[in-house]
């Protein structure tokens, strides 16, 4: 277990009006549950004081709304990221206005605007820290360019920004960044080509061989030695799932068209989980180049797609988010479905899954709010909207969740485009 426990899932830019208005297509109360979390055959209940809504005054530590200029009439909700050392929270809005917040003081330490070569809103953001304690902020402008901005230890901008061609992954799936090195996987829109960039070595520009499909999802192994990619079909070429060597860019294995939306490599690097159509997961053994996958069938076929696949930190559990569903498998000695949360309405996705304290708790986003389940106490927590709340383009269009255990807080970028940080429940 990590002593400083930081998990980060990155937001997906979703098209929305810049004004914050209630979308009447969505009900103002959460849907009923057809299946809930259970322990000893007893359904979970809300923890004392929950569910909380955004207007709650108790346990709220901080609220931030980017007041910078908004020049686009339509665009994306802001995107945000927490630095690996948990010191800085960086947000950027649809008009390329960047705000840097110090998490230790919960004060804004820098604000500035960058100029992009493309008139589209940023779609993803990553923050890296280097050996000197300075920061690199990577902002993806669609799949056209990655803007790199250097920040000092105190969060102020250093020098001028630079660019890389392509864009960062900004869909439901795994972060397109390495675990230990400062390397980034990028793709270029309308030119299906993957590059690996190294933030510490400008001469590194590794192209993935035999990768000609349209980019969708990616997962690095825990040792950063290889990366799995998942792509859509492109110009009549079927989509595929592939495994590459990250040092040479050579293709290790082509799994063919696995009909996957999302993929994820296990923490020990031995297994690759892929969604399969809308009725199963497949587990591939990466130690055996010719092995057939293990198929994990679902209780019933999904009406809509998977959104996220996430292993817990020791690989003992695998979780899968989908529209209207959340599944959890225990992985040893054999894969066994042990939890199934099912909403009565499948238009609401369950996404942004975060395992907390190895396997004690699981945080996730659904119906416009942040929720968390405690497997020990069989209690659920929720921080969400109220009847007075407003949100952009529906209640849960892929807001961001982050958690800093050493700082005792949990929070994220909510679907009304406000950042909220709450006391972490003990």
Protein backbone atom coordinates (compact mmCIF):
# COMPACT_ATOMS: atom_id res chain seq x y z
CA UNK A 1 0.00 0.00 0.00
CA UNK A 2 1.36 3.43 -0.85
CA UNK A 3 2.08 5.74 2.05
CA UNK A 4 1.06 8.69 -0.07
CA UNK A 5 -2.02 7.49 -1.83
CA UNK A 6 -2.97 9.51 -4.87
CA UNK A 7 -5.29 8.39 -7.60
CA UNK A 8 -6.21 10.44 -10.59
CA UNK A 9 -8.71 10.00 -13.37
CA UNK A 10 -8.91 12.61 -16.02
CA UNK A 11 -11.96 14.33 -17.27
CA UNK A 12 -13.43 13.99 -20.71
CA UNK A 13 -14.22 17.16 -22.58
CA UNK A 14 -17.93 17.06 -23.32
CA UNK A 15 -19.72 19.49 -25.55
CA UNK A 16 -21.80 21.90 -23.56
CA UNK A 17 -23.06 25.45 -23.48
CA UNK A 18 -20.88 27.71 -21.39
CA UNK A 19 -23.90 28.91 -19.41
CA UNK A 20 -24.79 26.60 -16.51
CA UNK A 21 -28.39 25.59 -17.01
CA UNK A 22 -30.42 22.61 -15.87
CA UNK A 23 -30.99 20.09 -18.62
CA UNK A 24 -34.62 19.03 -18.35
CA UNK A 25 -33.97 15.74 -20.14
CA UNK A 26 -32.66 14.35 -16.86
CA UNK A 27 -34.67 13.75 -13.66
CA UNK A 28 -33.66 15.61 -10.50
CA UNK A 29 -33.51 12.53 -8.31
CA UNK A 30 -31.20 9.53 -8.65
CA UNK A 31 -32.69 6.50 -10.39
CA UNK A 32 -33.81 3.51 -8.37
CA UNK A 33 -31.44 0.59 -7.90
CA UNK A 34 -32.25 -2.79 -9.39
CA UNK A 35 -29.21 -4.23 -7.62
CA UNK A 36 -27.13 -2.72 -4.82
CA UNK A 37 -23.84 -3.45 -3.08
CA UNK A 38 -24.23 -6.22 -0.52
CA UNK A 39 -22.37 -7.75 2.42
CA UNK A 40 -23.48 -10.99 4.06
CA UNK A 41 -26.55 -10.77 1.80
CA UNK A 42 -27.55 -7.39 3.32
CA UNK A 43 -27.92 -4.39 1.01
CA UNK A 44 -25.75 -1.35 1.70
CA UNK A 45 -27.13 1.78 3.35
CA UNK A 46 -26.12 5.44 3.33
CA UNK A 47 -23.50 6.51 5.84
CA UNK A 48 -24.69 8.98 8.52
CA UNK A 49 -25.17 12.42 6.99
CA UNK A 50 -25.28 11.08 3.43
CA UNK A 51 -26.17 11.63 0.69
CA UNK A 52 -24.76 15.16 0.78
CA UNK A 53 -25.47 17.72 -1.91
CA UNK A 54 -23.36 20.52 -3.32
CA UNK A 55 -25.09 23.07 -1.08
CA UNK A 56 -24.04 21.24 2.10
CA UNK A 57 -21.98 23.41 4.44
CA UNK A 58 -20.61 20.65 6.65
CA UNK A 59 -17.46 18.79 5.52
CA UNK A 60 -16.92 21.02 2.47
CA UNK A 61 -13.32 22.28 2.47
CA UNK A 62 -13.06 24.23 -0.77
CA UNK A 63 -15.01 25.30 -3.84
CA UNK A 64 -13.51 26.83 -6.96
CA UNK A 65 -15.06 28.05 -10.19
CA UNK A 66 -12.82 29.36 -12.95
CA UNK A 67 -13.80 32.97 -13.36
CA UNK A 68 -11.52 33.49 -16.34
CA UNK A 69 -12.69 34.58 -19.78
CA UNK A 70 -15.07 32.34 -21.72
CA UNK A 71 -15.02 33.25 -25.40
CA UNK A 72 -16.56 30.14 -26.94
CA UNK A 73 -20.34 29.96 -27.16
CA UNK A 74 -20.01 26.19 -27.10
CA UNK A 75 -17.11 24.09 -25.94
CA UNK A 76 -16.07 21.83 -23.12
CA UNK A 77 -16.49 21.94 -19.40
CA UNK A 78 -13.14 22.71 -17.73
CA UNK A 79 -10.56 19.97 -17.39
CA UNK A 80 -8.30 19.59 -14.37
CA UNK A 81 -5.50 17.52 -12.90
CA UNK A 82 -3.72 16.99 -9.60
CA UNK A 83 0.09 16.90 -9.56
CA UNK A 84 1.67 13.55 -8.54
CA UNK A 85 3.00 15.09 -5.31
CA UNK A 86 -0.49 16.48 -4.53
CA UNK A 87 0.80 20.06 -4.15
CA UNK A 88 -0.88 21.66 -7.16
CA UNK A 89 -4.31 21.45 -8.73
CA UNK A 90 -4.42 22.82 -12.28
CA UNK A 91 -7.58 23.66 -14.22
CA UNK A 92 -8.09 25.03 -17.73
CA UNK A 93 -11.39 26.29 -19.11
CA UNK A 94 -12.79 26.33 -22.62
CA UNK A 95 -10.97 29.56 -23.45
CA UNK A 96 -7.49 28.27 -22.53
CA UNK A 97 -7.50 30.12 -19.20
CA UNK A 98 -5.30 28.23 -16.71
CA UNK A 99 -5.63 28.41 -12.93
CA UNK A 100 -3.09 26.89 -10.52
CA UNK A 101 -4.25 26.16 -6.97
CA UNK A 102 -1.97 25.22 -4.06
CA UNK A 103 -3.67 22.34 -2.23
CA UNK A 104 -1.82 23.05 1.02
CA UNK A 105 -3.33 26.53 1.34
CA UNK A 106 -6.31 26.14 -1.04
CA UNK A 107 -5.34 29.43 -2.66
CA UNK A 108 -4.91 30.35 -6.32
CA UNK A 109 -1.19 30.92 -6.92
CA UNK A 110 -1.19 31.63 -10.68
CA UNK A 111 -3.58 32.39 -13.53
CA UNK A 112 -2.71 32.88 -17.18
CA UNK A 113 -4.01 32.21 -20.70
CA UNK A 114 -2.19 30.37 -23.48
CA UNK A 115 -2.71 30.73 -27.23
CA UNK A 116 -3.55 27.64 -29.25
CA UNK A 117 -3.25 27.13 -32.97
CA UNK A 118 -6.72 25.57 -32.99
CA UNK A 119 -10.06 27.16 -32.08
CA UNK A 120 -11.33 24.24 -30.04
CA UNK A 121 -11.54 23.78 -26.29
CA UNK A 122 -8.98 21.74 -24.35
CA UNK A 123 -10.03 18.13 -23.90
CA UNK A 124 -7.54 16.64 -21.43
CA UNK A 125 -4.83 17.70 -19.00
CA UNK A 126 -1.93 15.98 -17.20
CA UNK A 127 0.56 17.29 -14.64
CA UNK A 128 4.07 15.84 -14.16
CA UNK A 129 6.73 16.69 -11.57
CA UNK A 130 10.45 16.46 -12.32
CA UNK A 131 13.48 15.71 -10.14
CA UNK A 132 13.95 19.41 -9.34
CA UNK A 133 10.43 19.83 -8.01
CA UNK A 134 9.22 21.77 -11.05
CA UNK A 135 6.14 20.85 -13.05
CA UNK A 136 5.10 20.12 -16.61
CA UNK A 137 1.46 20.76 -17.50
CA UNK A 138 0.33 19.02 -20.69
CA UNK A 139 -2.91 20.33 -22.18
CA UNK A 140 -4.48 18.46 -25.08
CA UNK A 141 -6.32 20.61 -27.62
CA UNK A 142 -8.54 18.02 -29.23
CA UNK A 143 -6.17 15.61 -31.04
CA UNK A 144 -4.41 18.47 -32.81
CA UNK A 145 -1.74 19.60 -30.39
CA UNK A 146 -0.38 19.04 -26.89
CA UNK A 147 0.60 22.30 -25.21
CA UNK A 148 3.44 21.93 -22.66
CA UNK A 149 3.66 24.60 -19.95
CA UNK A 150 6.44 24.65 -17.35
CA UNK A 151 5.65 25.67 -13.76
CA UNK A 152 7.98 26.51 -10.88
CA UNK A 153 7.88 24.77 -7.51
CA UNK A 154 5.49 27.53 -6.39
CA UNK A 155 3.21 27.03 -9.41
CA UNK A 156 4.11 30.13 -11.44
CA UNK A 157 4.77 29.83 -15.19
CA UNK A 158 8.36 29.44 -16.40
CA UNK A 159 9.24 30.63 -19.90
CA UNK A 160 7.00 30.12 -22.93
CA UNK A 161 4.95 27.07 -23.80
CA UNK A 162 5.94 24.50 -26.41
CA UNK A 163 3.88 22.02 -28.43
CA UNK A 164 3.86 18.40 -29.52
CA UNK A 165 1.77 17.15 -32.43
CA UNK A 166 -1.20 15.00 -31.51
CA UNK A 167 -3.40 14.75 -28.47
CA UNK A 168 -3.76 12.98 -25.13
CA UNK A 169 -6.33 10.32 -24.50
CA UNK A 170 -9.48 12.02 -23.22
CA UNK A 171 -12.08 9.28 -23.41
CA UNK A 172 -13.30 6.94 -20.69
CA UNK A 173 -10.26 4.72 -20.50
CA UNK A 174 -6.86 4.44 -18.89
CA UNK A 175 -4.50 7.43 -18.68
CA UNK A 176 -2.14 7.54 -21.67
CA UNK A 177 0.88 8.24 -19.47
CA UNK A 178 3.57 5.97 -18.06
CA UNK A 179 3.60 5.01 -14.38
CA UNK A 180 7.21 5.77 -13.43
CA UNK A 181 8.91 7.54 -16.33
CA UNK A 182 7.79 10.87 -17.78
CA UNK A 183 6.55 9.50 -21.06
CA UNK A 184 3.28 10.23 -22.86
CA UNK A 185 1.38 8.35 -25.55
CA UNK A 186 -0.17 10.68 -28.12
CA UNK A 187 -2.26 10.31 -31.25
CA UNK A 188 -3.05 12.68 -34.12
CA UNK A 189 -6.61 13.17 -35.32
CA UNK A 190 -7.21 12.18 -38.96
CA UNK A 191 -3.75 10.61 -38.99
CA UNK A 192 -3.96 7.34 -37.05
CA UNK A 193 -0.45 7.26 -35.69
CA UNK A 194 0.81 6.82 -32.14
CA UNK A 195 3.93 8.54 -30.77
CA UNK A 196 5.60 8.21 -27.38
CA UNK A 197 7.19 11.44 -26.15
CA UNK A 198 9.68 11.71 -23.28
CA UNK A 199 9.48 14.93 -21.27
CA UNK A 200 13.10 14.56 -20.15
CA UNK A 201 14.60 13.75 -23.55
CA UNK A 202 13.47 15.73 -26.58
CA UNK A 203 15.22 13.28 -28.90
CA UNK A 204 12.84 10.48 -27.93
CA UNK A 205 9.99 10.22 -30.41
CA UNK A 206 8.97 6.57 -30.64
CA UNK A 207 6.43 5.63 -33.29
CA UNK A 208 4.43 2.48 -32.67
CA UNK A 209 4.85 0.17 -35.65
CA UNK A 210 1.84 -1.41 -37.35
CA UNK A 211 -0.51 0.96 -35.58
CA UNK A 212 -2.80 2.41 -38.22
CA UNK A 213 -6.15 2.42 -36.47
CA UNK A 214 -7.98 5.30 -34.83
CA UNK A 215 -6.89 5.84 -31.22
CA UNK A 216 -9.35 5.14 -28.38
CA UNK A 217 -7.84 3.64 -25.23
CA UNK A 218 -4.41 2.70 -23.87
CA UNK A 219 -2.84 1.10 -20.80
CA UNK A 220 0.82 1.04 -19.75
CA UNK A 221 2.23 -1.92 -17.83
CA UNK A 222 3.27 -1.11 -14.26
CA UNK A 223 6.98 -1.30 -15.21
CA UNK A 224 6.40 0.89 -18.32
CA UNK A 225 8.00 -1.76 -20.55
CA UNK A 226 4.96 -2.16 -22.79
CA UNK A 227 1.68 -0.50 -23.64
CA UNK A 228 -1.62 -1.93 -24.83
CA UNK A 229 -3.75 0.08 -27.24
CA UNK A 230 -7.36 -0.18 -28.32
CA UNK A 231 -8.61 1.48 -31.49
CA UNK A 232 -11.75 2.00 -33.51
CA UNK A 233 -12.06 0.94 -37.11
CA UNK A 234 -10.57 3.46 -39.53
CA UNK A 235 -11.17 3.85 -43.28
CA UNK A 236 -12.55 0.33 -43.52
CA UNK A 237 -9.78 -1.21 -41.37
CA UNK A 238 -11.23 -3.16 -38.39
CA UNK A 239 -10.40 -1.88 -34.94
CA UNK A 240 -7.89 -3.84 -32.91
CA UNK A 241 -6.20 -4.37 -29.55
CA UNK A 242 -2.40 -4.47 -29.69
CA UNK A 243 0.60 -4.72 -27.35
CA UNK A 244 3.80 -2.73 -28.03
CA UNK A 245 7.32 -2.48 -26.64
CA UNK A 246 7.65 1.08 -25.32
CA UNK A 247 11.42 1.26 -25.87
CA UNK A 248 11.46 0.27 -29.55
CA UNK A 249 7.84 0.79 -30.58
CA UNK A 250 7.73 -2.74 -32.05
CA UNK A 251 4.53 -4.75 -32.06
CA UNK A 252 4.56 -7.61 -29.53
CA UNK A 253 1.10 -9.05 -30.14
CA UNK A 254 -1.99 -8.26 -32.18
CA UNK A 255 -5.11 -9.54 -30.41
CA UNK A 256 -7.29 -8.71 -33.40
CA UNK A 257 -10.66 -7.02 -33.14
CA UNK A 258 -11.67 -7.72 -29.53
CA UNK A 259 -14.82 -5.56 -29.85
CA UNK A 260 -13.58 -3.55 -26.86
CA UNK A 261 -14.38 -0.08 -25.63
CA UNK A 262 -11.88 -0.10 -22.75
CA UNK A 263 -8.77 -2.06 -21.75
CA UNK A 264 -6.49 -2.31 -18.69
CA UNK A 265 -3.25 -4.15 -17.81
CA UNK A 266 -3.12 -5.74 -14.34
CA UNK A 267 -0.72 -4.29 -11.72
CA UNK A 268 1.66 -7.27 -12.03
CA UNK A 269 1.73 -6.88 -15.82
CA UNK A 270 0.60 -10.46 -16.45
CA UNK A 271 -3.02 -9.94 -17.54
CA UNK A 272 -4.87 -7.68 -19.97
CA UNK A 273 -8.56 -7.07 -19.39
CA UNK A 274 -10.66 -5.99 -22.37
CA UNK A 275 -14.37 -5.34 -22.63
CA UNK A 276 -16.01 -7.58 -25.21
CA UNK A 277 -19.08 -6.33 -27.07
CA UNK A 278 -21.57 -5.42 -24.34
CA UNK A 279 -21.98 -8.78 -22.67
CA UNK A 280 -18.58 -9.86 -21.30
CA UNK A 281 -15.02 -9.09 -20.35
CA UNK A 282 -12.03 -11.01 -21.68
CA UNK A 283 -8.85 -11.69 -19.69
CA UNK A 284 -5.70 -12.29 -21.75
CA UNK A 285 -2.52 -13.87 -20.34
CA UNK A 286 0.35 -11.68 -21.57
CA UNK A 287 2.90 -14.36 -20.60
CA UNK A 288 1.55 -16.70 -23.28
CA UNK A 289 1.52 -15.24 -26.79
CA UNK A 290 -0.86 -17.88 -28.15
CA UNK A 291 -3.29 -18.27 -25.26
CA UNK A 292 -7.02 -17.81 -25.70
CA UNK A 293 -8.78 -15.35 -23.38
CA UNK A 294 -10.83 -16.19 -20.32
CA UNK A 295 -14.35 -14.85 -20.87
CA UNK A 296 -16.25 -13.30 -17.95
CA UNK A 297 -19.92 -13.26 -18.90
CA UNK A 298 -22.25 -10.62 -17.48
CA UNK A 299 -25.58 -11.44 -15.81
CA UNK A 300 -27.30 -9.83 -18.79
CA UNK A 301 -26.26 -7.98 -21.95
CA UNK A 302 -25.69 -4.26 -21.50
CA UNK A 303 -27.96 -1.89 -23.38
CA UNK A 304 -25.04 0.52 -23.74
CA UNK A 305 -21.26 0.32 -23.52
CA UNK A 306 -18.60 -0.09 -20.84
CA UNK A 307 -16.91 3.09 -19.62
CA UNK A 308 -13.97 2.05 -17.43
CA UNK A 309 -11.87 -0.95 -16.39
CA UNK A 310 -9.81 -0.54 -13.20
CA UNK A 311 -7.81 -3.05 -11.13
CA UNK A 312 -7.20 -2.34 -7.46
CA UNK A 313 -3.56 -1.74 -6.52
CA UNK A 314 -2.65 -5.36 -5.73
CA UNK A 315 -4.74 -6.87 -8.55
CA UNK A 316 -7.02 -8.82 -6.22
CA UNK A 317 -10.12 -7.11 -7.65
CA UNK A 318 -11.16 -5.92 -11.12
CA UNK A 319 -13.94 -3.35 -11.48
CA UNK A 320 -15.86 -2.39 -14.61
CA UNK A 321 -18.04 0.67 -15.04
CA UNK A 322 -20.75 0.82 -17.66
CA UNK A 323 -23.94 2.70 -18.45
CA UNK A 324 -26.29 1.83 -15.61
CA UNK A 325 -23.96 -0.77 -14.09
CA UNK A 326 -20.87 -1.36 -11.97
CA UNK A 327 -19.33 -4.85 -11.74
CA UNK A 328 -16.62 -6.12 -9.37
CA UNK A 329 -14.78 -9.42 -9.75
CA UNK A 330 -12.52 -11.05 -7.18
CA UNK A 331 -9.58 -12.33 -9.21
CA UNK A 332 -8.15 -15.15 -7.05
CA UNK A 333 -8.14 -18.10 -7.02
CA UNK A 334 -10.46 -17.73 -10.02
CA UNK A 335 -12.40 -14.73 -11.34
CA UNK A 336 -15.70 -14.45 -9.48
CA UNK A 337 -18.33 -11.70 -9.77
CA UNK A 338 -18.84 -10.51 -6.18
CA UNK A 339 -20.64 -7.15 -6.52
CA UNK A 340 -23.11 -5.70 -9.03
CA UNK A 341 -24.60 -2.22 -8.76
CA UNK A 342 -27.38 -1.72 -11.31
CA UNK A 343 -29.37 1.47 -11.90
CA UNK A 344 -32.93 1.40 -13.16
CA UNK A 345 -32.02 3.81 -15.98
CA UNK A 346 -29.17 2.89 -18.30
CA UNK A 347 -28.54 6.38 -19.73
CA UNK A 348 -26.52 7.22 -16.61
CA UNK A 349 -22.94 6.04 -16.77
CA UNK A 350 -20.92 4.71 -13.86
CA UNK A 351 -17.36 5.86 -14.45
CA UNK A 352 -14.19 7.37 -12.91
CA UNK A 353 -13.56 4.32 -10.70
CA UNK A 354 -10.96 4.78 -7.94
CA UNK A 355 -9.91 2.05 -5.52
CA UNK A 356 -9.13 3.43 -2.07
CA UNK A 357 -6.87 1.82 0.55
CA UNK A 358 -6.16 -1.18 -1.73
CA UNK A 359 -9.62 -2.76 -1.56
CA UNK A 360 -11.41 -1.20 1.40
CA UNK A 361 -13.35 1.39 -0.60
CA UNK A 362 -14.29 2.14 -4.19
CA UNK A 363 -15.12 5.67 -5.37
CA UNK A 364 -17.02 6.28 -8.62
CA UNK A 365 -19.08 8.87 -10.49
CA UNK A 366 -22.72 8.37 -11.33
CA UNK A 367 -25.78 10.56 -11.87
CA UNK A 368 -23.90 13.82 -11.57
CA UNK A 369 -22.26 13.02 -8.26
CA UNK A 370 -19.32 11.38 -6.56
CA UNK A 371 -20.08 8.21 -4.59
CA UNK A 372 -18.00 5.79 -2.55
CA UNK A 373 -18.70 2.32 -1.14
CA UNK A 374 -17.00 0.91 1.98
CA UNK A 375 -16.68 -2.88 1.75
CA UNK A 376 -15.97 -3.26 5.49
CA UNK A 377 -18.93 -1.29 6.84
CA UNK A 378 -21.33 -1.84 3.90
CA UNK A 379 -21.94 1.93 3.84
CA UNK A 380 -22.21 4.28 0.84
CA UNK A 381 -21.26 7.95 0.61
CA UNK A 382 -22.48 10.52 -1.92
CA UNK A 383 -21.64 14.12 -2.76
CA UNK A 384 -24.00 15.27 -5.53
CA UNK A 385 -26.44 17.84 -6.82
CA UNK A 386 -29.65 19.06 -5.22
CA UNK A 387 -32.90 20.31 -6.70
CA UNK A 388 -31.34 23.79 -6.75
CA UNK A 389 -28.19 22.73 -8.57
CA UNK A 390 -27.29 23.41 -12.18
CA UNK A 391 -25.04 21.36 -14.38
CA UNK A 392 -23.71 21.34 -17.90
CA UNK A 393 -25.07 18.96 -20.54
CA UNK A 394 -26.58 16.44 -18.15
CA UNK A 395 -25.66 15.27 -14.72
CA UNK A 396 -22.58 13.09 -15.27
CA UNK A 397 -20.76 13.94 -18.45
CA UNK A 398 -17.43 12.69 -17.22
CA UNK A 399 -16.39 14.89 -14.36
CA UNK A 400 -13.04 14.36 -12.70
CA UNK A 401 -12.33 12.66 -9.37
CA UNK A 402 -9.16 12.83 -7.33
CA UNK A 403 -8.32 11.71 -3.84
CA UNK A 404 -5.38 12.56 -1.56
CA UNK A 405 -5.35 10.28 1.46
CA UNK A 406 -2.41 11.99 3.16
CA UNK A 407 -4.31 15.28 3.01
CA UNK A 408 -7.53 13.66 4.17
CA UNK A 409 -9.71 14.95 1.37
CA UNK A 410 -11.70 13.70 -1.56
CA UNK A 411 -13.21 15.73 -4.36
CA UNK A 412 -13.09 16.66 -7.97
CA UNK A 413 -14.36 18.63 -10.88
CA UNK A 414 -18.12 18.25 -10.70
CA UNK A 415 -20.49 18.22 -13.64
CA UNK A 416 -21.55 21.83 -12.97
CA UNK A 417 -17.93 22.84 -13.78
CA UNK A 418 -17.07 23.63 -10.15
CA UNK A 419 -14.18 22.07 -8.25
CA UNK A 420 -15.21 20.84 -4.79
CA UNK A 421 -13.02 19.31 -2.10
CA UNK A 422 -14.58 17.52 0.88
CA UNK A 423 -13.29 16.06 4.14
CA UNK A 424 -12.45 12.42 3.57
CA UNK A 425 -14.70 10.16 5.69
CA UNK A 426 -12.70 8.23 8.28
